[in-house]
PDB file of all heavy atoms in Angstrom:
ATOM      1  N   PHE A   1     -19.144 -22.819 -22.910  1.00  0.00           N
ATOM      2  CA  PHE A   1     -20.130 -22.306 -21.953  1.00  0.00           C
ATOM      3  C   PHE A   1     -19.642 -22.663 -20.506  1.00  0.00           C
ATOM      4  O   PHE A   1     -19.903 -21.898 -19.559  1.00  0.00           O
ATOM      5  CB  PHE A   1     -21.491 -23.006 -22.193  1.00  0.00           C
ATOM      6  CG  PHE A   1     -22.262 -22.382 -23.362  1.00  0.00           C
ATOM      7  CD1 PHE A   1     -21.993 -22.731 -24.652  1.00  0.00           C
ATOM      8  CD2 PHE A   1     -23.243 -21.414 -23.118  1.00  0.00           C
ATOM      9  CE1 PHE A   1     -22.688 -22.183 -25.641  1.00  0.00           C
ATOM     10  CE2 PHE A   1     -23.933 -20.835 -24.107  1.00  0.00           C
ATOM     11  CZ  PHE A   1     -23.628 -21.194 -25.453  1.00  0.00           C
ATOM     12  N   GLY A   2     -18.938 -23.766 -20.346  1.00  0.00           N
ATOM     13  CA  GLY A   2     -18.328 -24.015 -19.053  1.00  0.00           C
ATOM     14  C   GLY A   2     -17.365 -22.919 -18.629  1.00  0.00           C
ATOM     15  O   GLY A   2     -17.339 -22.505 -17.481  1.00  0.00           O
ATOM     16  N   GLY A   3     -16.527 -22.529 -19.640  1.00  0.00           N
ATOM     17  CA  GLY A   3     -15.502 -21.634 -19.281  1.00  0.00           C
ATOM     18  C   GLY A   3     -16.027 -20.125 -19.128  1.00  0.00           C
ATOM     19  O   GLY A   3     -15.677 -19.348 -18.180  1.00  0.00           O
ATOM     20  N   VAL A   4     -16.876 -19.703 -20.051  1.00  0.00           N
ATOM     21  CA  VAL A   4     -17.410 -18.311 -20.068  1.00  0.00           C
ATOM     22  C   VAL A   4     -18.481 -18.178 -19.002  1.00  0.00           C
ATOM     23  O   VAL A   4     -18.360 -17.224 -18.177  1.00  0.00           O
ATOM     24  CB  VAL A   4     -17.907 -18.009 -21.438  1.00  0.00           C
ATOM     25  CG1 VAL A   4     -18.547 -16.524 -21.403  1.00  0.00           C
ATOM     26  CG2 VAL A   4     -16.808 -17.961 -22.474  1.00  0.00           C
ATOM     27  N   VAL A   5     -19.447 -18.982 -19.016  1.00  0.00           N
ATOM     28  CA  VAL A   5     -20.659 -18.790 -18.051  1.00  0.00           C
ATOM     29  C   VAL A   5     -20.300 -19.228 -16.656  1.00  0.00           C
ATOM     30  O   VAL A   5     -20.437 -18.463 -15.758  1.00  0.00           O
ATOM     31  CB  VAL A   5     -21.835 -19.562 -18.630  1.00  0.00           C
ATOM     32  CG1 VAL A   5     -23.060 -19.370 -17.711  1.00  0.00           C
ATOM     33  CG2 VAL A   5     -22.221 -18.974 -20.034  1.00  0.00           C
ATOM     34  N   ALA A   6     -19.866 -20.538 -16.532  1.00  0.00           N
ATOM     35  CA  ALA A   6     -19.573 -21.064 -15.259  1.00  0.00           C
ATOM     36  C   ALA A   6     -18.405 -20.426 -14.604  1.00  0.00           C
ATOM     37  O   ALA A   6     -18.379 -19.998 -13.460  1.00  0.00           O
ATOM     38  CB  ALA A   6     -19.434 -22.610 -15.308  1.00  0.00           C
ATOM     39  N   GLY A   7     -17.329 -20.327 -15.394  1.00  0.00           N
ATOM     40  CA  GLY A   7     -16.115 -19.734 -14.845  1.00  0.00           C
ATOM     41  C   GLY A   7     -16.176 -18.267 -14.662  1.00  0.00           C
ATOM     42  O   GLY A   7     -15.870 -17.702 -13.606  1.00  0.00           O
ATOM     43  N   GLY A   8     -16.471 -17.541 -15.831  1.00  0.00           N
ATOM     44  CA  GLY A   8     -16.449 -16.096 -15.702  1.00  0.00           C
ATOM     45  C   GLY A   8     -17.730 -15.446 -15.109  1.00  0.00           C
ATOM     46  O   GLY A   8     -17.646 -14.715 -14.129  1.00  0.00           O
ATOM     47  N   GLY A   9     -18.896 -15.881 -15.655  1.00  0.00           N
ATOM     48  CA  GLY A   9     -20.131 -15.342 -15.161  1.00  0.00           C
ATOM     49  C   GLY A   9     -20.492 -15.639 -13.686  1.00  0.00           C
ATOM     50  O   GLY A   9     -20.699 -14.807 -12.832  1.00  0.00           O
ATOM     51  N   VAL A  10     -20.482 -16.939 -13.380  1.00  0.00           N
ATOM     52  CA  VAL A  10     -20.748 -17.386 -11.961  1.00  0.00           C
ATOM     53  C   VAL A  10     -19.695 -16.899 -10.976  1.00  0.00           C
ATOM     54  O   VAL A  10     -20.077 -16.356  -9.947  1.00  0.00           O
ATOM     55  CB  VAL A  10     -20.931 -18.913 -11.838  1.00  0.00           C
ATOM     56  CG1 VAL A  10     -21.214 -19.360 -10.477  1.00  0.00           C
ATOM     57  CG2 VAL A  10     -22.041 -19.321 -12.806  1.00  0.00           C
ATOM     58  N   GLY A  11     -18.386 -17.216 -11.344  1.00  0.00           N
ATOM     59  CA  GLY A  11     -17.326 -16.839 -10.424  1.00  0.00           C
ATOM     60  C   GLY A  11     -17.297 -15.337 -10.162  1.00  0.00           C
ATOM     61  O   GLY A  11     -17.271 -14.889  -8.936  1.00  0.00           O
ATOM     62  N   ALA A  12     -17.238 -14.546 -11.252  1.00  0.00           N
ATOM     63  CA  ALA A  12     -17.113 -13.063 -11.027  1.00  0.00           C
ATOM     64  C   ALA A  12     -18.481 -12.459 -10.466  1.00  0.00           C
ATOM     65  O   ALA A  12     -18.380 -11.598  -9.619  1.00  0.00           O
ATOM     66  CB  ALA A  12     -16.780 -12.426 -12.445  1.00  0.00           C
ATOM     67  N   GLY A  13     -19.581 -12.933 -11.018  1.00  0.00           N
ATOM     68  CA  GLY A  13     -20.855 -12.410 -10.513  1.00  0.00           C
ATOM     69  C   GLY A  13     -21.061 -12.634  -9.060  1.00  0.00           C
ATOM     70  O   GLY A  13     -21.435 -11.741  -8.270  1.00  0.00           O
ATOM     71  N   VAL A  14     -20.881 -13.898  -8.584  1.00  0.00           N
ATOM     72  CA  VAL A  14     -21.085 -14.212  -7.208  1.00  0.00           C
ATOM     73  C   VAL A  14     -20.037 -13.509  -6.299  1.00  0.00           C
ATOM     74  O   VAL A  14     -20.374 -12.965  -5.223  1.00  0.00           O
ATOM     75  CB  VAL A  14     -21.111 -15.731  -6.974  1.00  0.00           C
ATOM     76  CG1 VAL A  14     -21.055 -15.978  -5.502  1.00  0.00           C
ATOM     77  CG2 VAL A  14     -22.120 -16.331  -7.693  1.00  0.00           C
ATOM     78  N   GLY A  15     -18.810 -13.444  -6.708  1.00  0.00           N
ATOM     79  CA  GLY A  15     -17.782 -12.815  -5.920  1.00  0.00           C
ATOM     80  C   GLY A  15     -18.011 -11.376  -5.730  1.00  0.00           C
ATOM     81  O   GLY A  15     -17.956 -10.796  -4.661  1.00  0.00           O
ATOM     82  N   ILE A  16     -18.246 -10.652  -6.856  1.00  0.00           N
ATOM     83  CA  ILE A  16     -18.461  -9.202  -6.800  1.00  0.00           C
ATOM     84  C   ILE A  16     -19.720  -8.904  -6.134  1.00  0.00           C
ATOM     85  O   ILE A  16     -19.825  -7.939  -5.256  1.00  0.00           O
ATOM     86  CB  ILE A  16     -18.372  -8.588  -8.181  1.00  0.00           C
ATOM     87  CG1 ILE A  16     -17.043  -8.813  -8.886  1.00  0.00           C
ATOM     88  CG2 ILE A  16     -18.787  -7.148  -8.137  1.00  0.00           C
ATOM     89  CD1 ILE A  16     -16.954  -8.348 -10.231  1.00  0.00           C
ATOM     90  N   GLY A  17     -20.806  -9.631  -6.513  1.00  0.00           N
ATOM     91  CA  GLY A  17     -22.036  -9.374  -5.812  1.00  0.00           C
ATOM     92  C   GLY A  17     -22.116  -9.552  -4.366  1.00  0.00           C
ATOM     93  O   GLY A  17     -22.610  -8.684  -3.599  1.00  0.00           O
ATOM     94  N   ALA A  18     -21.374 -10.589  -3.939  1.00  0.00           N
ATOM     95  CA  ALA A  18     -21.343 -10.891  -2.452  1.00  0.00           C
ATOM     96  C   ALA A  18     -20.471  -9.776  -1.741  1.00  0.00           C
ATOM     97  O   ALA A  18     -20.960  -9.228  -0.655  1.00  0.00           O
ATOM     98  CB  ALA A  18     -20.797 -12.205  -2.146  1.00  0.00           C
ATOM     99  N   GLY A  19     -19.365  -9.407  -2.314  1.00  0.00           N
ATOM    100  CA  GLY A  19     -18.443  -8.461  -1.669  1.00  0.00           C
ATOM    101  C   GLY A  19     -19.037  -7.145  -1.629  1.00  0.00           C
ATOM    102  O   GLY A  19     -19.174  -6.426  -0.602  1.00  0.00           O
ATOM    103  N   VAL A  20     -19.486  -6.574  -2.860  1.00  0.00           N
ATOM    104  CA  VAL A  20     -20.054  -5.174  -2.902  1.00  0.00           C
ATOM    105  C   VAL A  20     -21.350  -5.156  -2.171  1.00  0.00           C
ATOM    106  O   VAL A  20     -21.730  -4.120  -1.391  1.00  0.00           O
ATOM    107  CB  VAL A  20     -20.245  -4.771  -4.310  1.00  0.00           C
ATOM    108  CG1 VAL A  20     -20.918  -3.389  -4.469  1.00  0.00           C
ATOM    109  CG2 VAL A  20     -18.876  -4.717  -5.083  1.00  0.00           C
ATOM    110  N   GLY A  21     -22.220  -6.185  -2.339  1.00  0.00           N
ATOM    111  CA  GLY A  21     -23.525  -6.212  -1.660  1.00  0.00           C
ATOM    112  C   GLY A  21     -23.369  -6.164  -0.137  1.00  0.00           C
ATOM    113  O   GLY A  21     -24.142  -5.435   0.590  1.00  0.00           O
ATOM    114  N   ALA A  22     -22.420  -6.923   0.457  1.00  0.00           N
ATOM    115  CA  ALA A  22     -22.174  -6.822   1.812  1.00  0.00           C
ATOM    116  C   ALA A  22     -21.661  -5.589   2.317  1.00  0.00           C
ATOM    117  O   ALA A  22     -22.013  -4.958   3.357  1.00  0.00           O
ATOM    118  CB  ALA A  22     -21.234  -7.915   2.233  1.00  0.00           C
ATOM    119  N   ALA A  23     -20.823  -4.915   1.445  1.00  0.00           N
ATOM    120  CA  ALA A  23     -20.187  -3.614   1.773  1.00  0.00           C
ATOM    121  C   ALA A  23     -21.226  -2.457   1.925  1.00  0.00           C
ATOM    122  O   ALA A  23     -21.176  -1.611   2.735  1.00  0.00           O
ATOM    123  CB  ALA A  23     -19.055  -3.263   0.820  1.00  0.00           C
ATOM    124  N   ILE A  24     -22.117  -2.536   0.944  1.00  0.00           N
ATOM    125  CA  ILE A  24     -23.103  -1.454   0.822  1.00  0.00           C
ATOM    126  C   ILE A  24     -24.463  -1.768   1.626  1.00  0.00           C
ATOM    127  O   ILE A  24     -25.365  -1.031   1.634  1.00  0.00           O
ATOM    128  CB  ILE A  24     -23.414  -0.957  -0.536  1.00  0.00           C
ATOM    129  CG1 ILE A  24     -24.117  -2.156  -1.316  1.00  0.00           C
ATOM    130  CG2 ILE A  24     -22.205  -0.535  -1.208  1.00  0.00           C
ATOM    131  CD1 ILE A  24     -24.489  -1.708  -2.745  1.00  0.00           C
ATOM    132  N   GLY A  25     -24.402  -3.037   2.131  1.00  0.00           N
ATOM    133  CA  GLY A  25     -25.654  -3.499   2.839  1.00  0.00           C
ATOM    134  C   GLY A  25     -26.868  -3.639   1.966  1.00  0.00           C
ATOM    135  O   GLY A  25     -28.001  -3.247   2.309  1.00  0.00           O
ATOM    136  N   SER A  26     -26.637  -4.161   0.741  1.00  0.00           N
ATOM    137  CA  SER A  26     -27.755  -4.364  -0.255  1.00  0.00           C
ATOM    138  C   SER A  26     -27.962  -5.799  -0.618  1.00  0.00           C
ATOM    139  O   SER A  26     -27.223  -6.273  -1.485  1.00  0.00           O
ATOM    140  CB  SER A  26     -27.525  -3.463  -1.475  1.00  0.00           C
ATOM    141  OG  SER A  26     -28.516  -3.717  -2.428  1.00  0.00           O
ATOM    142  N   PRO A  27     -28.989  -6.488   0.014  1.00  0.00           N
ATOM    143  CA  PRO A  27     -29.252  -7.796  -0.394  1.00  0.00           C
ATOM    144  C   PRO A  27     -29.617  -8.016  -1.888  1.00  0.00           C
ATOM    145  O   PRO A  27     -29.298  -8.969  -2.575  1.00  0.00           O
ATOM    146  CB  PRO A  27     -30.301  -8.292   0.510  1.00  0.00           C
ATOM    147  CG  PRO A  27     -30.237  -7.386   1.658  1.00  0.00           C
ATOM    148  CD  PRO A  27     -29.752  -6.130   1.131  1.00  0.00           C
ATOM    149  N   LEU A  28     -30.317  -6.858  -2.418  1.00  0.00           N
ATOM    150  CA  LEU A  28     -30.841  -6.862  -3.798  1.00  0.00           C
ATOM    151  C   LEU A  28     -29.528  -6.862  -4.689  1.00  0.00           C
ATOM    152  O   LEU A  28     -29.527  -7.611  -5.728  1.00  0.00           O
ATOM    153  CB  LEU A  28     -31.599  -5.559  -4.077  1.00  0.00           C
ATOM    154  CG  LEU A  28     -32.022  -5.449  -5.552  1.00  0.00           C
ATOM    155  CD1 LEU A  28     -32.965  -6.568  -5.863  1.00  0.00           C
ATOM    156  CD2 LEU A  28     -32.787  -4.039  -5.590  1.00  0.00           C
TER     157      LEU A  28
END
């Protein structure tokens, strides 16, 4: 769970969400 959820889910989710969200101007 540390590798899959914390490493993959949190890392990828936050990174992609922040990058794409900022690019398209969507806080949601």
